[in-house]
Protein backbone atom coordinates (compact mmCIF):
# COMPACT_ATOMS: atom_id res chain seq x y z
CA MET A 1 65.89 134.87 61.54
CA THR A 2 64.92 131.35 60.83
CA ALA A 3 66.65 129.34 63.41
CA GLU A 4 68.80 126.93 61.49
CA ARG A 5 69.36 123.20 62.66
CA ASP A 6 72.58 120.97 61.82
CA PRO A 7 71.59 116.78 61.61
CA ALA A 8 73.01 116.32 64.94
CA GLY A 9 73.27 120.29 66.49
CA GLN A 10 71.20 122.22 68.17
CA SER A 11 69.27 125.83 66.99
CA LEU A 12 69.67 129.08 68.67
CA PRO A 13 66.64 128.53 70.31
CA GLU A 14 67.49 125.39 72.09
CA LEU A 15 71.00 127.08 73.43
CA LEU A 16 68.66 129.94 74.56
CA ASP A 17 66.53 127.68 76.35
CA ILE A 18 69.24 126.19 77.89
CA LEU A 19 71.13 129.29 79.15
CA ASP A 20 67.58 130.15 80.73
CA LEU A 21 67.79 128.61 84.47
CA GLU A 22 65.07 127.41 86.63
CA GLN A 23 64.74 129.14 90.24
CA ILE A 24 64.22 125.93 92.13
CA GLU A 25 65.27 128.07 95.78
CA VAL A 26 66.13 131.46 96.73
CA ASN A 27 70.25 131.80 95.23
CA ILE A 28 69.77 127.82 94.00
CA PHE A 29 69.36 127.31 89.95
CA ARG A 30 68.93 124.33 87.44
CA GLY A 31 70.33 124.11 83.95
CA ARG A 32 69.98 120.91 81.67
CA SER A 33 72.45 119.91 78.69
CA PRO A 34 71.33 119.82 74.95
CA ASP A 35 70.02 115.96 74.00
CA GLY A 36 72.69 114.71 71.54
CA GLY A 37 75.05 116.50 72.75
CA PRO A 38 78.79 115.60 73.61
CA GLN A 39 79.08 112.18 75.92
CA ARG A 40 80.57 114.72 78.43
CA ILE A 41 78.76 118.14 79.25
CA PHE A 42 80.85 120.90 77.11
CA GLY A 43 82.86 123.20 79.67
CA GLY A 44 81.47 126.60 77.92
CA GLN A 45 77.91 125.47 78.58
CA VAL A 46 78.54 125.09 82.17
CA ALA A 47 80.62 128.53 82.52
CA GLY A 48 77.72 129.98 80.68
CA GLN A 49 75.15 128.70 82.70
CA ALA A 50 76.60 129.71 86.27
CA LEU A 51 77.32 133.02 84.80
CA VAL A 52 73.86 133.33 83.90
CA ALA A 53 72.97 132.00 87.58
CA ALA A 54 75.19 134.63 88.88
CA GLY A 55 73.48 137.56 87.21
CA ARG A 56 70.03 136.79 88.31
CA THR A 57 71.41 137.37 91.73
CA VAL A 58 72.42 141.02 91.57
CA PRO A 59 69.77 143.13 92.63
CA PRO A 60 68.41 145.82 90.67
CA PRO A 61 69.45 149.40 91.83
CA ALA A 62 67.27 151.18 94.00
CA GLY A 63 64.18 152.95 93.08
CA THR A 64 63.32 150.51 90.15
CA PRO A 65 59.88 148.94 90.96
CA ALA A 66 62.07 145.37 91.08
CA ALA A 67 64.33 146.80 94.03
CA ASP A 68 60.91 148.51 95.67
CA THR A 69 59.08 145.14 95.51
CA PRO A 70 58.43 143.16 99.23
CA ALA A 71 60.77 140.37 99.78
CA ALA A 72 57.55 137.72 99.76
CA GLU A 73 56.27 139.19 96.55
CA SER A 74 59.84 139.25 94.81
CA PRO A 75 60.67 137.97 91.07
CA ALA A 76 63.64 136.10 93.24
CA ALA A 77 61.30 135.01 95.65
CA SER A 78 57.93 133.81 93.02
CA GLY A 79 61.15 131.81 91.08
CA ALA A 80 60.30 134.09 87.84
CA ARG A 81 63.74 135.34 85.85
CA GLN A 82 65.28 138.52 87.74
CA PRO A 83 67.95 140.48 84.94
CA VAL A 84 70.98 141.34 86.14
CA SER A 85 71.23 144.85 87.34
CA PRO A 86 71.41 147.98 84.68
CA GLU A 87 73.95 149.65 86.46
CA ARG A 88 76.08 146.26 87.26
CA HIS A 89 77.66 144.82 84.27
CA VAL A 90 79.94 141.79 84.86
CA HIS A 91 83.63 142.54 84.47
CA SER A 92 85.71 139.64 85.17
CA LEU A 93 84.86 136.03 85.78
CA HIS A 94 87.50 133.41 87.18
CA ALA A 95 86.48 129.37 87.07
CA TYR A 96 88.02 126.02 87.58
CA PHE A 97 86.13 122.86 85.91
CA ILE A 98 86.65 119.86 88.42
CA ARG A 99 84.97 117.10 87.48
CA PRO A 100 83.33 116.00 84.23
CA GLY A 101 79.94 116.85 83.83
CA ASP A 102 77.12 114.49 83.46
CA PRO A 103 74.67 115.55 80.44
CA SER A 104 72.13 113.08 81.60
CA VAL A 105 71.47 114.13 84.67
CA PRO A 106 70.74 118.37 85.08
CA ILE A 107 72.97 120.48 86.90
CA VAL A 108 72.40 122.39 90.01
CA TYR A 109 74.07 125.79 90.92
CA ASP A 110 74.22 127.30 94.03
CA VAL A 111 74.96 131.28 94.58
CA ASP A 112 77.01 132.75 97.05
CA ARG A 113 75.89 136.20 97.05
CA VAL A 114 79.49 136.98 98.86
CA ARG A 115 79.18 140.84 98.59
CA ASP A 116 77.45 143.89 97.31
CA GLY A 117 79.04 147.03 97.45
CA ARG A 118 78.88 150.26 96.65
CA SER A 119 80.42 149.72 93.17
CA PHE A 120 80.86 146.21 93.27
CA THR A 121 79.13 143.16 93.43
CA THR A 122 80.29 139.31 93.79
CA ARG A 123 79.71 136.30 93.14
CA ARG A 124 80.29 133.05 93.68
CA VAL A 125 78.90 129.64 91.85
CA THR A 126 79.37 126.40 92.05
CA ALA A 127 78.11 123.80 89.80
CA ILE A 128 76.87 120.91 91.40
CA GLN A 129 76.06 117.26 89.91
CA HIS A 130 75.70 113.85 92.01
CA GLY A 131 76.31 115.57 95.00
CA LYS A 132 79.35 116.65 94.27
CA ALA A 133 80.74 120.14 92.94
CA ILE A 134 82.13 119.72 89.32
CA PHE A 135 82.69 122.78 88.81
CA THR A 136 83.29 126.70 90.11
CA LEU A 137 82.98 130.17 89.51
CA SER A 138 83.68 133.56 90.63
CA ALA A 139 81.96 136.55 88.97
CA SER A 140 82.05 140.49 89.79
CA PHE A 141 80.08 142.93 88.61
CA HIS A 142 81.15 147.15 88.89
CA HIS A 143 78.75 149.74 88.84
CA THR A 144 80.09 151.41 85.31
CA GLU A 145 81.95 155.14 85.90
CA PRO A 146 84.51 157.01 83.86
CA GLY A 147 88.21 156.49 83.82
CA LEU A 148 91.57 156.23 81.21
CA THR A 149 90.58 154.50 78.52
CA HIS A 150 93.42 152.74 75.98
CA GLN A 151 93.31 149.71 74.01
CA VAL A 152 95.45 147.52 71.81
CA PRO A 153 94.81 147.53 68.22
CA MET A 154 93.10 144.52 66.47
CA PRO A 155 95.10 142.33 64.18
CA GLU A 156 95.67 144.17 60.47
CA ASN A 157 94.94 142.43 57.37
CA VAL A 158 92.26 139.81 58.80
CA PRO A 159 90.00 138.98 55.74
CA ASP A 160 86.36 139.61 56.50
CA PRO A 161 84.46 136.63 57.49
CA GLU A 162 82.14 136.67 54.63
CA THR A 163 85.03 135.97 52.04
CA LEU A 164 86.07 133.02 54.51
CA PRO A 165 84.14 129.25 54.69
CA SER A 166 83.11 127.92 57.90
CA THR A 167 84.84 125.32 59.92
CA ARG A 168 81.63 123.09 59.03
CA ASP A 169 82.37 123.37 55.44
CA ARG A 170 86.16 123.12 55.46
CA LEU A 171 85.30 120.15 57.39
CA LEU A 172 82.97 119.02 54.81
CA ALA A 173 85.13 119.05 52.16
CA ALA A 174 88.05 117.36 53.59
CA PHE A 175 86.31 114.18 55.51
CA GLY A 176 82.82 114.46 53.61
CA LYS A 177 80.97 115.10 56.29
CA VAL A 178 80.64 117.12 59.43
CA PRO A 179 82.57 115.17 63.30
CA ARG A 180 80.26 114.84 66.12
CA PHE A 181 81.82 117.02 68.08
CA ALA A 182 81.65 120.27 65.43
CA SER A 183 77.82 119.99 64.71
CA TRP A 184 76.09 120.08 68.02
CA HIS A 185 75.96 124.05 68.83
CA PRO A 186 74.95 127.17 66.44
CA ILE A 187 77.84 129.60 66.65
CA GLU A 188 79.18 130.30 63.95
CA MET A 189 83.01 130.11 63.15
CA ARG A 190 84.83 131.38 60.32
CA PRO A 191 88.87 130.49 60.46
CA VAL A 192 91.71 132.93 58.95
CA GLY A 193 94.64 130.69 59.05
CA PRO A 194 94.58 126.47 59.34
CA LEU A 195 92.84 124.29 61.58
CA SER A 196 94.40 121.70 63.61
CA PHE A 197 94.07 119.02 60.70
CA GLU A 198 95.61 120.92 58.30
CA VAL A 199 98.46 121.48 59.67
CA GLU A 200 98.85 117.74 61.20
CA ASN A 201 99.38 117.47 57.15
CA ASP A 202 101.57 120.34 56.37
CA PRO A 203 104.24 120.87 59.08
CA ALA A 204 105.05 124.30 57.71
CA LEU A 205 101.89 125.30 58.31
CA ARG A 206 102.27 125.22 62.11
CA THR A 207 101.79 128.67 64.08
CA THR A 208 101.44 129.87 67.73
CA GLN A 209 98.32 132.15 66.79
CA ASN A 210 94.84 130.98 66.12
CA LEU A 211 92.64 133.62 64.44
CA VAL A 212 88.69 132.98 64.18
CA TRP A 213 85.67 135.18 63.34
CA LEU A 214 82.44 133.91 65.22
CA LYS A 215 79.37 134.46 66.40
CA VAL A 216 75.98 133.38 67.35
CA GLY A 217 73.83 131.93 63.98
CA GLY A 218 70.68 134.56 64.89
CA THR A 219 69.40 137.54 66.39
CA LEU A 220 69.54 138.04 70.15
CA PRO A 221 67.23 140.20 72.50
CA ASP A 222 69.08 143.37 73.90
CA ASP A 223 69.70 141.79 77.38
CA PRO A 224 73.68 142.50 77.64
CA LEU A 225 74.05 139.62 80.93
CA LEU A 226 72.64 137.25 77.76
CA HIS A 227 75.40 138.69 75.03
CA VAL A 228 78.20 138.24 77.79
CA CYS A 229 77.03 134.58 78.63
CA LEU A 230 77.28 133.34 74.87
CA MET A 231 80.97 134.78 74.46
CA THR A 232 81.63 132.50 77.72
CA TYR A 233 80.41 130.07 75.86
CA ALA A 234 81.40 130.29 72.38
CA SER A 235 85.26 131.24 74.59
CA ASP A 236 85.65 127.54 75.03
CA LEU A 237 85.12 126.47 71.50
CA THR A 238 88.80 126.94 69.78
CA LEU A 239 91.17 128.13 72.60
CA LEU A 240 93.09 124.68 73.42
CA ASP A 241 92.64 124.13 69.39
CA THR A 242 95.39 127.07 69.54
CA VAL A 243 97.70 124.78 71.42
CA LEU A 244 97.48 122.12 69.05
CA LEU A 245 98.29 124.08 65.80
CA ALA A 246 101.70 124.87 67.47
CA HIS A 247 102.29 121.27 67.56
CA GLY A 248 101.01 120.03 64.21
CA ARG A 249 98.29 118.52 66.02
CA SER A 250 95.06 117.12 65.64
CA TRP A 251 92.18 115.72 67.61
CA ALA A 252 92.90 112.44 66.92
CA GLY A 253 94.62 110.65 69.85
CA ILE A 254 94.36 113.35 71.98
CA SER A 255 92.39 113.79 75.47
CA MET A 256 92.00 117.49 75.89
CA ALA A 257 89.61 119.21 78.86
CA SER A 258 89.65 122.53 80.25
CA LEU A 259 90.96 123.04 83.46
CA ASP A 260 90.51 126.39 84.29
CA HIS A 261 88.98 130.01 82.52
CA ALA A 262 88.85 133.63 83.12
CA MET A 263 87.56 136.16 81.13
CA TRP A 264 87.61 139.87 81.57
CA PHE A 265 84.97 142.13 79.73
CA HIS A 266 85.54 145.70 78.33
CA ARG A 267 83.29 146.59 76.57
CA PRO A 268 79.87 146.35 75.52
CA PHE A 269 79.14 144.07 72.67
CA ARG A 270 76.95 141.77 70.36
CA ALA A 271 77.31 138.13 70.29
CA ASP A 272 75.54 138.29 67.35
CA GLU A 273 77.46 140.19 65.04
CA TRP A 274 80.89 139.11 64.05
CA LEU A 275 83.70 139.32 66.63
CA LEU A 276 87.65 138.62 65.57
CA TYR A 277 89.22 135.91 68.30
CA ALA A 278 92.96 136.38 68.45
CA GLN A 279 94.12 133.39 70.08
CA GLU A 280 97.71 132.58 70.90
CA THR A 281 99.78 130.03 72.86
CA PRO A 282 102.84 130.69 75.00
CA THR A 283 103.51 127.86 76.50
CA ALA A 284 102.67 124.06 76.88
CA GLY A 285 104.35 121.72 78.84
CA GLY A 286 103.29 119.37 81.77
CA ALA A 287 100.60 117.68 79.59
CA ARG A 288 99.46 121.09 80.42
CA GLY A 289 98.54 123.67 77.35
CA LEU A 290 98.25 127.53 78.03
CA ALA A 291 96.09 129.89 75.83
CA ARG A 292 94.47 133.46 75.47
CA GLY A 293 92.50 135.38 73.53
CA LEU A 294 91.65 138.93 72.68
CA VAL A 295 87.76 139.65 71.35
CA PHE A 296 87.60 142.10 69.16
CA THR A 297 84.42 143.71 67.37
CA ARG A 298 84.40 144.11 63.46
CA GLY A 299 84.73 147.73 64.03
CA GLY A 300 88.17 147.21 66.30
CA ASP A 301 87.18 147.42 69.51
CA LEU A 302 88.57 145.19 72.62
CA VAL A 303 85.42 143.62 74.11
CA CYS A 304 86.89 141.05 76.01
CA SER A 305 90.16 138.89 76.70
CA VAL A 306 90.31 135.28 77.69
CA VAL A 307 93.01 133.12 79.37
CA GLN A 308 92.83 129.22 80.16
CA GLU A 309 94.60 126.46 80.93
CA GLY A 310 94.14 122.87 79.29
CA LEU A 311 94.69 119.33 79.84
CA ILE A 312 96.11 117.91 77.22
CA ARG A 313 97.41 114.55 76.89
CA SER A 314 98.84 112.25 73.68
CA VAL A 315 97.04 109.04 74.09
CA GLY A 316 99.19 107.57 71.00
CA GLY A 317 102.43 109.06 71.43
CA GLY A 318 103.92 111.83 69.86
CA SER A 319 104.54 115.56 71.10
């Protein structure tokens, strides 16, 4: 598929390149930010890159060629890409955004191999710029095993994504152009309900729910870690908008920043196929808002759960 580029945005190959970190030492990786992106580093980018770094240090199963390679000849020692163990998939991450990121300089990711157990692998990643931590992430990888299974159902009567206009189309229709903040990533989003600027103009549309179909705009390789990292990236795009919807506020006059982010990955999925991101906000107060989301495949499988708290300050007054 030919990658499409927005006038102020990046193509899918560029995003994949940003997630393909450079290994500069054992357990140390370096990432960059897109050219022409936001003035501050997008939180989903840092979270996605940190998860890539964590996954690169998860050793392959014993008996595989990579596991039997002497340390001096191993991919980690040579700096080559080391994929996550096919037997251990990331099942959760917990992250804190500590300082705003600077897109003009690289980000160094320092991975602490906390534990390599019989069933679980734990990694702690610190993202560093200008000698200071800007972000921390803990990720756990689990050896797949059988067990109890259940899930809540997917929301009912949700229109198919093909019947809905994209976020960019709706912004273009309303403003005659797509704002820069909504055009620099190759994630296709098709909201089911109103956008925050529409709620601001019509208080009757206020809601604590936010349903969005999303997918990566292109075809991805069959790398489970890559799909999870791209979902991590995309999960930060609309969560705090859910808080704005409840208050009838748009982005104008609002200062927002992610404070923390947690995700649980329940089942395999593909980030280049339509996923329904069912988000809600249970509470806001003290200049902080909480939002959570469930991610379903088109067939109704619950594949991911997300929770985030964000700083939301009203610059020009209002509530």
